[in-house]
N, C-alpha and C. Protein backbone atom coordinates (compact mmCIF):
# COMPACT_ATOMS: atom_id res chain seq x y z
N MET A 1 0.84 -1.18 0.00
CA MET A 1 0.00 0.00 0.00
C MET A 1 0.89 1.23 0.00
N SER A 2 0.65 2.15 -0.89
CA SER A 2 1.48 3.34 -0.97
C SER A 2 0.86 4.47 -0.18
N LYS A 3 1.71 5.34 0.32
CA LYS A 3 1.24 6.49 1.09
C LYS A 3 1.40 7.73 0.24
N HIS A 4 0.43 8.60 0.28
CA HIS A 4 0.47 9.85 -0.47
C HIS A 4 0.30 11.00 0.50
N LYS A 5 1.05 12.06 0.26
CA LYS A 5 0.87 13.27 1.05
C LYS A 5 -0.33 14.01 0.51
N LYS A 6 -1.14 14.50 1.41
CA LYS A 6 -2.31 15.29 1.00
C LYS A 6 -1.84 16.68 0.58
N ARG A 7 -2.33 17.13 -0.54
CA ARG A 7 -1.99 18.45 -1.05
C ARG A 7 -3.22 19.34 -0.99
N GLY A 8 -2.97 20.62 -0.87
CA GLY A 8 -4.07 21.58 -0.84
C GLY A 8 -4.78 21.64 -2.17
N PRO A 9 -5.98 22.22 -2.18
CA PRO A 9 -6.73 22.32 -3.44
C PRO A 9 -5.95 23.12 -4.48
N GLY A 10 -6.04 22.66 -5.71
CA GLY A 10 -5.39 23.38 -6.79
C GLY A 10 -3.89 23.14 -6.90
N ARG A 11 -3.35 22.25 -6.09
CA ARG A 11 -1.90 21.96 -6.13
C ARG A 11 -1.71 20.54 -6.66
N PRO A 12 -1.53 20.40 -7.97
CA PRO A 12 -1.40 19.06 -8.54
C PRO A 12 -0.11 18.39 -8.09
N LYS A 13 -0.19 17.07 -7.95
CA LYS A 13 1.00 16.30 -7.62
C LYS A 13 1.85 16.19 -8.88
N LEU A 14 3.12 16.55 -8.77
CA LEU A 14 4.02 16.50 -9.92
C LEU A 14 4.78 15.18 -9.92
N ARG A 15 4.87 14.59 -11.06
CA ARG A 15 5.69 13.39 -11.21
C ARG A 15 7.13 13.79 -11.47
N SER A 16 8.02 12.87 -11.26
CA SER A 16 9.43 13.13 -11.52
C SER A 16 9.61 13.61 -12.95
N GLY A 17 10.35 14.71 -13.12
CA GLY A 17 10.61 15.24 -14.45
C GLY A 17 9.59 16.27 -14.92
N GLU A 18 8.46 16.37 -14.21
CA GLU A 18 7.46 17.37 -14.59
C GLU A 18 7.88 18.73 -14.05
N ALA A 19 7.50 19.76 -14.74
CA ALA A 19 7.84 21.12 -14.30
C ALA A 19 6.58 21.93 -14.10
N LYS A 20 6.66 22.87 -13.19
CA LYS A 20 5.57 23.81 -12.99
C LYS A 20 5.67 24.89 -14.05
N SER A 21 4.53 25.40 -14.44
CA SER A 21 4.52 26.47 -15.43
C SER A 21 4.12 27.76 -14.72
N ILE A 22 5.04 28.72 -14.69
CA ILE A 22 4.79 29.99 -14.03
C ILE A 22 5.16 31.12 -14.99
N LEU A 23 4.29 32.08 -15.10
CA LEU A 23 4.56 33.28 -15.88
C LEU A 23 4.89 34.39 -14.88
N ILE A 24 6.03 35.03 -15.08
CA ILE A 24 6.44 36.12 -14.20
C ILE A 24 6.62 37.37 -15.03
N GLN A 25 5.94 38.42 -14.63
CA GLN A 25 6.11 39.73 -15.27
C GLN A 25 6.85 40.60 -14.27
N VAL A 26 7.94 41.20 -14.72
CA VAL A 26 8.76 41.99 -13.81
C VAL A 26 9.12 43.32 -14.46
N ARG A 27 9.17 44.34 -13.64
CA ARG A 27 9.63 45.66 -14.08
C ARG A 27 10.79 46.03 -13.18
N VAL A 28 11.91 46.41 -13.78
CA VAL A 28 13.12 46.74 -13.03
C VAL A 28 13.53 48.17 -13.35
N SER A 29 13.89 48.91 -12.32
CA SER A 29 14.40 50.27 -12.47
C SER A 29 15.69 50.38 -11.68
N VAL A 30 16.49 51.37 -12.03
CA VAL A 30 17.73 51.60 -11.28
C VAL A 30 17.81 53.07 -10.88
N LEU A 31 18.43 53.31 -9.75
CA LEU A 31 18.71 54.67 -9.31
C LEU A 31 20.17 54.98 -9.61
N VAL A 32 20.40 56.13 -10.21
CA VAL A 32 21.76 56.60 -10.49
C VAL A 32 21.85 58.06 -10.06
N ASN A 33 23.06 58.54 -9.90
CA ASN A 33 23.24 59.97 -9.63
C ASN A 33 22.76 60.77 -10.84
N SER A 34 22.22 61.95 -10.61
CA SER A 34 21.68 62.75 -11.72
C SER A 34 22.75 63.06 -12.77
N CYS A 35 24.00 63.21 -12.34
CA CYS A 35 25.07 63.50 -13.31
C CYS A 35 25.37 62.30 -14.22
N ASP A 36 24.91 61.09 -13.83
CA ASP A 36 25.13 59.88 -14.63
C ASP A 36 23.91 59.45 -15.43
N ALA A 37 22.82 60.21 -15.35
CA ALA A 37 21.57 59.80 -15.98
C ALA A 37 21.69 59.62 -17.50
N ASP A 38 22.26 60.59 -18.19
CA ASP A 38 22.38 60.49 -19.65
C ASP A 38 23.29 59.34 -20.07
N THR A 39 24.40 59.20 -19.38
CA THR A 39 25.33 58.11 -19.68
C THR A 39 24.65 56.77 -19.48
N THR A 40 23.90 56.64 -18.38
CA THR A 40 23.22 55.38 -18.08
C THR A 40 22.17 55.06 -19.13
N LYS A 41 21.39 56.06 -19.56
CA LYS A 41 20.38 55.83 -20.60
C LYS A 41 21.02 55.31 -21.88
N LYS A 42 22.15 55.89 -22.26
CA LYS A 42 22.84 55.45 -23.47
C LYS A 42 23.37 54.02 -23.31
N LEU A 43 23.93 53.73 -22.15
CA LEU A 43 24.44 52.37 -21.89
C LEU A 43 23.31 51.35 -21.93
N VAL A 44 22.18 51.69 -21.34
CA VAL A 44 21.04 50.77 -21.34
C VAL A 44 20.58 50.50 -22.77
N GLU A 45 20.49 51.53 -23.59
CA GLU A 45 20.10 51.35 -24.99
C GLU A 45 21.07 50.44 -25.73
N LEU A 46 22.37 50.66 -25.52
CA LEU A 46 23.39 49.85 -26.19
C LEU A 46 23.42 48.41 -25.72
N LYS A 47 23.09 48.18 -24.46
CA LYS A 47 23.25 46.85 -23.87
C LYS A 47 21.92 46.22 -23.47
N GLN A 48 20.81 46.68 -24.06
CA GLN A 48 19.48 46.21 -23.67
C GLN A 48 19.32 44.70 -23.78
N SER A 49 19.80 44.10 -24.84
CA SER A 49 19.67 42.65 -25.01
C SER A 49 20.40 41.89 -23.91
N ARG A 50 21.58 42.32 -23.58
CA ARG A 50 22.34 41.66 -22.51
C ARG A 50 21.65 41.85 -21.16
N ILE A 51 21.11 43.04 -20.91
CA ILE A 51 20.38 43.30 -19.67
C ILE A 51 19.16 42.37 -19.58
N ASP A 52 18.39 42.30 -20.65
CA ASP A 52 17.21 41.43 -20.68
C ASP A 52 17.59 39.98 -20.42
N ASP A 53 18.67 39.54 -21.04
CA ASP A 53 19.13 38.16 -20.86
C ASP A 53 19.50 37.88 -19.40
N ARG A 54 20.24 38.78 -18.79
CA ARG A 54 20.69 38.56 -17.40
C ARG A 54 19.51 38.61 -16.42
N VAL A 55 18.57 39.53 -16.64
CA VAL A 55 17.38 39.59 -15.77
C VAL A 55 16.59 38.30 -15.92
N ASN A 56 16.39 37.85 -17.15
CA ASN A 56 15.69 36.60 -17.42
C ASN A 56 16.38 35.43 -16.72
N THR A 57 17.68 35.34 -16.84
CA THR A 57 18.43 34.24 -16.22
C THR A 57 18.30 34.28 -14.70
N LEU A 58 18.41 35.46 -14.11
CA LEU A 58 18.27 35.58 -12.65
C LEU A 58 16.89 35.16 -12.18
N ILE A 59 15.86 35.59 -12.87
CA ILE A 59 14.49 35.23 -12.47
C ILE A 59 14.28 33.72 -12.61
N ARG A 60 14.71 33.16 -13.74
CA ARG A 60 14.50 31.73 -13.98
C ARG A 60 15.28 30.84 -13.03
N SER A 61 16.41 31.32 -12.55
CA SER A 61 17.23 30.50 -11.66
C SER A 61 16.96 30.80 -10.18
N ALA A 62 16.05 31.73 -9.89
CA ALA A 62 15.76 32.10 -8.51
C ALA A 62 15.05 30.95 -7.78
N GLN A 63 15.36 30.81 -6.52
CA GLN A 63 14.66 29.86 -5.66
C GLN A 63 13.27 30.43 -5.35
N PRO A 64 12.28 29.60 -5.18
CA PRO A 64 10.93 30.10 -4.85
C PRO A 64 10.92 31.03 -3.64
N ARG A 65 11.76 30.76 -2.65
CA ARG A 65 11.78 31.63 -1.46
C ARG A 65 12.28 33.03 -1.80
N HIS A 66 13.16 33.15 -2.82
CA HIS A 66 13.65 34.47 -3.23
C HIS A 66 12.53 35.29 -3.88
N LEU A 67 11.68 34.60 -4.64
CA LEU A 67 10.56 35.28 -5.29
C LEU A 67 9.49 35.69 -4.29
N GLY A 68 9.53 35.08 -3.10
CA GLY A 68 8.56 35.39 -2.06
C GLY A 68 9.05 36.37 -1.02
N GLU A 69 10.28 36.83 -1.14
CA GLU A 69 10.80 37.80 -0.18
C GLU A 69 10.01 39.11 -0.29
N PRO A 70 9.63 39.70 0.85
CA PRO A 70 8.85 40.95 0.80
C PRO A 70 9.55 42.07 0.02
N GLY A 71 10.86 42.22 0.17
CA GLY A 71 11.58 43.28 -0.53
C GLY A 71 12.39 42.79 -1.72
N LEU A 72 12.28 41.49 -2.05
CA LEU A 72 13.02 40.89 -3.16
C LEU A 72 14.52 41.19 -3.09
N GLU A 73 15.06 41.19 -1.88
CA GLU A 73 16.45 41.58 -1.65
C GLU A 73 17.46 40.73 -2.42
N THR A 74 17.23 39.42 -2.47
CA THR A 74 18.18 38.54 -3.16
C THR A 74 18.23 38.84 -4.65
N LEU A 75 17.06 39.03 -5.26
CA LEU A 75 17.01 39.37 -6.69
C LEU A 75 17.68 40.71 -6.95
N LYS A 76 17.42 41.68 -6.10
CA LYS A 76 18.01 43.01 -6.29
C LYS A 76 19.54 42.95 -6.20
N ARG A 77 20.05 42.19 -5.23
CA ARG A 77 21.52 42.06 -5.10
C ARG A 77 22.10 41.40 -6.34
N GLY A 78 21.45 40.34 -6.82
CA GLY A 78 21.92 39.65 -8.02
C GLY A 78 21.91 40.55 -9.23
N MET A 79 20.85 41.33 -9.37
CA MET A 79 20.76 42.25 -10.51
C MET A 79 21.82 43.34 -10.42
N LYS A 80 22.06 43.83 -9.23
CA LYS A 80 23.10 44.87 -9.04
C LYS A 80 24.45 44.33 -9.50
N VAL A 81 24.78 43.13 -9.10
CA VAL A 81 26.06 42.51 -9.50
C VAL A 81 26.13 42.40 -11.03
N GLU A 82 25.06 41.92 -11.63
CA GLU A 82 25.05 41.74 -13.09
C GLU A 82 25.12 43.08 -13.82
N PHE A 83 24.39 44.08 -13.35
CA PHE A 83 24.43 45.40 -13.99
C PHE A 83 25.82 46.01 -13.87
N ASP A 84 26.45 45.85 -12.70
CA ASP A 84 27.82 46.35 -12.52
C ASP A 84 28.76 45.72 -13.54
N ARG A 85 28.59 44.42 -13.78
CA ARG A 85 29.44 43.73 -14.78
C ARG A 85 29.15 44.23 -16.19
N ILE A 86 27.87 44.34 -16.51
CA ILE A 86 27.48 44.76 -17.86
C ILE A 86 27.99 46.17 -18.16
N PHE A 87 27.85 47.08 -17.20
CA PHE A 87 28.25 48.47 -17.41
C PHE A 87 29.72 48.71 -17.12
N GLY A 88 30.39 47.74 -16.48
CA GLY A 88 31.81 47.88 -16.18
C GLY A 88 32.11 48.94 -15.14
N ASP A 89 31.15 49.18 -14.24
CA ASP A 89 31.32 50.24 -13.24
C ASP A 89 30.48 49.89 -12.02
N GLU A 90 31.13 49.64 -10.90
CA GLU A 90 30.42 49.26 -9.68
C GLU A 90 29.73 50.42 -8.98
N LYS A 91 30.04 51.65 -9.39
CA LYS A 91 29.48 52.81 -8.72
C LYS A 91 28.38 53.51 -9.51
N LEU A 92 28.17 53.10 -10.75
CA LEU A 92 27.18 53.76 -11.60
C LEU A 92 25.76 53.56 -11.05
N ILE A 93 25.40 52.32 -10.77
CA ILE A 93 24.07 51.99 -10.25
C ILE A 93 24.10 52.10 -8.73
N ARG A 94 23.28 53.01 -8.20
CA ARG A 94 23.22 53.17 -6.74
C ARG A 94 22.31 52.12 -6.11
N GLU A 95 21.21 51.83 -6.78
CA GLU A 95 20.23 50.90 -6.21
C GLU A 95 19.37 50.31 -7.32
N VAL A 96 19.02 49.04 -7.17
CA VAL A 96 18.10 48.37 -8.09
C VAL A 96 16.74 48.34 -7.42
N LEU A 97 15.71 48.72 -8.17
CA LEU A 97 14.34 48.70 -7.68
C LEU A 97 13.52 47.72 -8.52
N ILE A 98 12.63 47.00 -7.86
CA ILE A 98 11.72 46.12 -8.56
C ILE A 98 10.29 46.54 -8.16
N PRO A 99 9.75 47.55 -8.85
CA PRO A 99 8.44 48.05 -8.47
C PRO A 99 7.29 47.11 -8.80
N GLN A 100 7.55 46.10 -9.64
CA GLN A 100 6.48 45.16 -10.01
C GLN A 100 7.07 43.79 -10.28
N LEU A 101 6.51 42.78 -9.62
CA LEU A 101 6.82 41.39 -9.91
C LEU A 101 5.53 40.61 -9.71
N LEU A 102 4.91 40.20 -10.81
CA LEU A 102 3.64 39.48 -10.78
C LEU A 102 3.87 38.05 -11.23
N GLN A 103 3.32 37.10 -10.47
CA GLN A 103 3.44 35.69 -10.80
C GLN A 103 2.06 35.12 -11.07
N SER A 104 1.96 34.29 -12.11
CA SER A 104 0.71 33.60 -12.39
C SER A 104 1.03 32.28 -13.06
N GLY A 105 0.10 31.36 -13.01
CA GLY A 105 0.27 30.07 -13.66
C GLY A 105 0.01 28.94 -12.71
N SER A 106 0.22 27.71 -13.20
CA SER A 106 -0.10 26.52 -12.42
C SER A 106 0.85 26.28 -11.27
N GLY A 107 2.04 26.89 -11.28
CA GLY A 107 3.01 26.65 -10.22
C GLY A 107 2.95 27.64 -9.10
N VAL A 108 2.01 28.58 -9.15
CA VAL A 108 1.94 29.62 -8.12
C VAL A 108 1.01 29.20 -7.02
């Protein structure tokens, strides 16, 4: 006789190898010094594809607990590190803000 853990309503039991499907919509902003605003805008335009790729990779590789943090601190730290690498300047970005992160789908 096999034992099964009871799951809450709407939480399907996943078999080995199955994946949850989650759609995440995120909006990211950065704070910079006013004297760096024009430079930063130009850098973002030039490196938009790389920025999108790194944000996508960070979100997809995040642990569920990181996506549930009230201030999303882990994601912000990761994005700051990646933006510093992309722009080649650790002092350009003062702070990463995530004013919107919406999750939907069968895995939420």
